[in-house]
Amino acid sequence: MRRYVSGDSVMIYARGGAVPRSIPEGQVLCHNDIQHWPNMPCGVNGFRAWTEAEAPKGFVKCPCGYAGLPHYAARDHVAEVRKGGMKDWHCGGLAYDPKGYGKYF
């Protein structure tokens, strides 16, 4: 985990190649808007997840299923997920794989 401090905010990034399995007490899990599948490791195609004390401005609860944990993402990403936009996502040679095995083609 990498810790970044900016003013009063402390962000703790998930280790590259990892998928978070828990959320520290007093923190919320967030991820960026890079296309991903539910068990995509951090670092693949620029995908990142982190925790901080509260969700950033413009982030809302996300229903995408990432890591099987409650989390937040940017409002635009959440709108895309709700439209069903993740079903056909392909990420630089990695196909969406609901079991999280990361199929390569």
Protein backbone atom coordinates (compact mmCIF):
# COMPACT_ATOMS: atom_id res chain seq x y z
CA MET A 1 0.00 0.00 0.00
CA ARG A 2 1.19 3.49 -0.78
CA ARG A 3 0.13 6.42 1.34
CA TYR A 4 -0.35 9.91 -0.12
CA VAL A 5 -1.09 12.95 2.01
CA SER A 6 -2.62 16.11 0.58
CA GLY A 7 -3.75 18.66 3.14
CA ASP A 8 -6.09 16.84 5.52
CA SER A 9 -6.69 13.95 3.12
CA VAL A 10 -4.78 10.66 3.29
CA MET A 11 -5.19 8.23 0.39
CA ILE A 12 -3.91 4.67 0.69
CA TYR A 13 -3.51 2.99 -2.72
CA ALA A 14 -3.92 -0.76 -3.08
CA ARG A 15 -0.70 -2.55 -3.99
CA GLY A 16 -0.16 -3.16 -7.73
CA GLY A 17 -1.33 -6.61 -8.80
CA ALA A 18 -3.69 -6.86 -5.83
CA VAL A 19 -7.44 -6.75 -5.31
CA PRO A 20 -8.59 -5.34 -1.93
CA ARG A 21 -10.16 -7.95 0.36
CA SER A 22 -11.17 -5.65 3.20
CA ILE A 23 -11.62 -1.98 4.02
CA PRO A 24 -9.86 -0.51 7.06
CA GLU A 25 -12.19 0.84 9.73
CA GLY A 26 -12.99 4.51 9.19
CA GLN A 27 -12.13 4.33 5.47
CA VAL A 28 -14.09 3.97 2.21
CA LEU A 29 -12.89 2.11 -0.87
CA CYS A 30 -12.79 4.03 -4.16
CA HIS A 31 -11.64 3.27 -7.69
CA ASN A 32 -10.93 5.27 -10.82
CA ASP A 33 -12.96 5.11 -14.04
CA ILE A 34 -10.67 2.82 -16.05
CA GLN A 35 -12.60 -0.04 -17.62
CA HIS A 36 -12.33 -3.11 -15.41
CA TRP A 37 -13.95 -6.31 -14.26
CA PRO A 38 -14.94 -7.11 -10.66
CA ASN A 39 -11.65 -8.75 -9.65
CA MET A 40 -9.24 -6.72 -11.79
CA PRO A 41 -5.89 -6.24 -10.04
CA CYS A 42 -4.73 -2.70 -9.44
CA GLY A 43 -2.22 -1.48 -12.00
CA VAL A 44 -3.67 -3.22 -15.06
CA ASN A 45 -4.26 -0.62 -17.80
CA GLY A 46 -4.04 2.16 -15.24
CA PHE A 47 -6.79 0.82 -12.99
CA ARG A 48 -6.37 2.03 -9.39
CA ALA A 49 -8.21 1.53 -6.11
CA TRP A 50 -7.58 3.29 -2.83
CA THR A 51 -9.08 4.04 0.55
CA GLU A 52 -9.57 7.34 2.28
CA ALA A 53 -11.66 8.74 5.11
CA GLU A 54 -14.51 9.83 2.82
CA ALA A 55 -15.34 9.55 -0.85
CA PRO A 56 -13.96 12.36 -3.03
CA LYS A 57 -16.29 15.07 -4.30
CA GLY A 58 -18.29 13.76 -7.27
CA PHE A 59 -17.97 10.11 -6.19
CA VAL A 60 -21.09 8.06 -5.44
CA LYS A 61 -21.76 4.47 -4.34
CA CYS A 62 -20.83 2.18 -7.22
CA PRO A 63 -22.77 -1.00 -8.14
CA CYS A 64 -20.08 -2.53 -10.41
CA GLY A 65 -19.16 -5.29 -7.96
CA TYR A 66 -15.46 -4.43 -7.73
CA ALA A 67 -13.69 -6.61 -5.15
CA GLY A 68 -17.06 -7.70 -3.78
CA LEU A 69 -16.86 -4.76 -1.36
CA PRO A 70 -18.94 -1.59 -0.98
CA HIS A 71 -17.14 1.23 -2.74
CA TYR A 72 -17.37 4.56 -4.55
CA ALA A 73 -16.52 5.76 -8.05
CA ALA A 74 -16.98 8.87 -10.17
CA ARG A 75 -20.59 9.68 -10.95
CA ASP A 76 -20.04 9.22 -14.74
CA HIS A 77 -18.59 5.73 -14.24
CA VAL A 78 -21.56 4.75 -12.06
CA ALA A 79 -24.00 6.03 -14.69
CA GLU A 80 -22.27 3.85 -17.32
CA VAL A 81 -22.42 0.80 -15.05
CA ARG A 82 -26.13 1.35 -14.42
CA LYS A 83 -26.75 1.47 -18.19
CA GLY A 84 -25.10 -1.95 -18.48
CA GLY A 85 -21.98 -0.50 -20.03
CA MET A 86 -19.53 -2.94 -18.39
CA LYS A 87 -20.88 -6.07 -20.07
CA ASP A 88 -18.84 -5.68 -23.25
CA TRP A 89 -15.77 -3.91 -21.92
CA HIS A 90 -12.44 -5.13 -23.24
CA CYS A 91 -9.32 -3.78 -21.65
CA GLY A 92 -6.13 -3.91 -23.70
CA GLY A 93 -6.32 -7.63 -24.45
CA LEU A 94 -8.07 -8.53 -21.20
CA ALA A 95 -11.70 -9.55 -21.50
CA TYR A 96 -14.29 -8.95 -18.82
CA ASP A 97 -14.31 -12.09 -16.73
CA PRO A 98 -16.87 -12.24 -13.90
CA LYS A 99 -14.89 -14.97 -12.11
CA GLY A 100 -11.80 -12.76 -12.08
CA TYR A 101 -9.41 -15.12 -13.81
CA GLY A 102 -8.33 -12.56 -16.42
CA LYS A 103 -8.80 -14.18 -19.82
CA TYR A 104 -6.19 -13.10 -22.35
CA PHE A 105 -6.76 -13.13 -26.09
